[in-house]
Amino acid sequence: MDIGWKLLSTASILVTGTVVHKVIDLGWKAATGHEPPKDPDDHGVSMGEVIAFAMVSGAIVEVTRRLVLRGAAKAYGGPVDKHA
């Protein structure tokens, strides 16, 4: 196990995740006019909206995560650890 790669990949994912979640929240609010669904007990949000938000945000997070890991691997000069 390469500790340098583990540190770089973990730091990259944490920083990117924080930024991406903020962008998703702002984008959702701009597109719908209200805050994204967060509280599972919020009865004012339809199940369709919850599912749509989960699908959109999940896809964006996963694509971004993979792109960031590829970029980090290229910068580090080593193979991408598929379990990072």
Protein backbone atom coordinates (compact mmCIF):
# COMPACT_ATOMS: atom_id res chain seq x y z
CA MET A 1 0.00 0.00 0.00
CA ASP A 2 1.35 3.38 -1.04
CA ILE A 3 0.66 5.83 1.80
CA GLY A 4 1.34 8.86 -0.43
CA TRP A 5 -1.36 7.77 -2.87
CA LYS A 6 -3.81 7.05 -0.04
CA LEU A 7 -3.27 10.52 1.42
CA LEU A 8 -3.56 12.27 -1.96
CA SER A 9 -6.66 10.37 -3.05
CA THR A 10 -8.40 10.81 0.30
CA ALA A 11 -7.65 14.53 0.48
CA SER A 12 -8.77 14.99 -3.14
CA ILE A 13 -12.06 13.22 -2.54
CA LEU A 14 -12.80 15.09 0.70
CA VAL A 15 -12.14 18.54 -0.75
CA THR A 16 -13.97 17.81 -3.98
CA GLY A 17 -16.91 16.25 -2.15
CA THR A 18 -17.38 19.34 -0.03
CA VAL A 19 -17.31 21.64 -3.05
CA VAL A 20 -19.54 19.41 -5.19
CA HIS A 21 -22.20 19.10 -2.49
CA LYS A 22 -22.31 22.88 -2.13
CA VAL A 23 -22.61 23.32 -5.92
CA ILE A 24 -25.37 20.69 -6.08
CA ASP A 25 -27.31 22.43 -3.32
CA LEU A 26 -26.99 25.81 -5.03
CA GLY A 27 -27.93 24.33 -8.41
CA TRP A 28 -30.97 22.58 -6.97
CA LYS A 29 -32.12 25.79 -5.32
CA ALA A 30 -31.63 27.74 -8.56
CA ALA A 31 -33.53 25.12 -10.60
CA THR A 32 -36.43 24.50 -8.20
CA GLY A 33 -36.61 27.69 -6.15
CA HIS A 34 -36.26 25.92 -2.79
CA GLU A 35 -33.75 24.04 -0.69
CA PRO A 36 -32.86 20.47 -1.63
CA PRO A 37 -34.53 17.70 0.39
CA LYS A 38 -32.34 16.87 3.41
CA ASP A 39 -34.57 15.75 6.26
CA PRO A 40 -36.24 12.36 5.70
CA ASP A 41 -39.10 13.43 7.98
CA ASP A 42 -39.89 16.56 5.94
CA HIS A 43 -43.48 15.93 4.91
CA GLY A 44 -43.54 18.98 2.66
CA VAL A 45 -41.33 17.27 0.06
CA SER A 46 -42.74 14.74 -2.41
CA MET A 47 -41.15 11.33 -2.79
CA GLY A 48 -40.58 12.13 -6.47
CA GLU A 49 -38.51 15.14 -5.55
CA VAL A 50 -36.49 13.11 -3.04
CA ILE A 51 -35.80 10.44 -5.67
CA ALA A 52 -34.90 13.03 -8.33
CA PHE A 53 -32.50 14.79 -5.97
CA ALA A 54 -30.89 11.49 -4.95
CA MET A 55 -30.41 10.41 -8.57
CA VAL A 56 -29.04 13.73 -9.78
CA SER A 57 -26.74 14.37 -6.83
CA GLY A 58 -25.51 10.76 -6.72
CA ALA A 59 -24.61 10.78 -10.40
CA ILE A 60 -22.80 14.11 -10.16
CA VAL A 61 -20.86 13.06 -7.06
CA GLU A 62 -19.76 9.73 -8.57
CA VAL A 63 -18.69 11.20 -11.92
CA THR A 64 -16.78 13.98 -10.17
CA ARG A 65 -15.15 11.48 -7.78
CA ARG A 66 -13.91 9.35 -10.66
CA LEU A 67 -12.59 12.34 -12.60
CA VAL A 68 -10.77 13.66 -9.54
CA LEU A 69 -9.20 10.27 -8.82
CA ARG A 70 -8.03 9.98 -12.43
CA GLY A 71 -6.49 13.43 -12.25
CA ALA A 72 -4.85 12.68 -8.91
CA ALA A 73 -3.44 9.41 -10.27
CA LYS A 74 -2.02 11.22 -13.28
CA ALA A 75 -0.47 13.89 -11.06
CA TYR A 76 0.90 11.26 -8.68
CA GLY A 77 2.26 9.16 -11.53
CA GLY A 78 0.83 5.87 -10.35
CA PRO A 79 -2.10 3.57 -10.92
CA VAL A 80 -5.52 4.37 -9.57
CA ASP A 81 -6.42 2.27 -6.54
CA LYS A 82 -9.96 1.12 -7.25
CA HIS A 83 -10.72 0.89 -3.53
CA ALA A 84 -9.69 4.45 -2.61
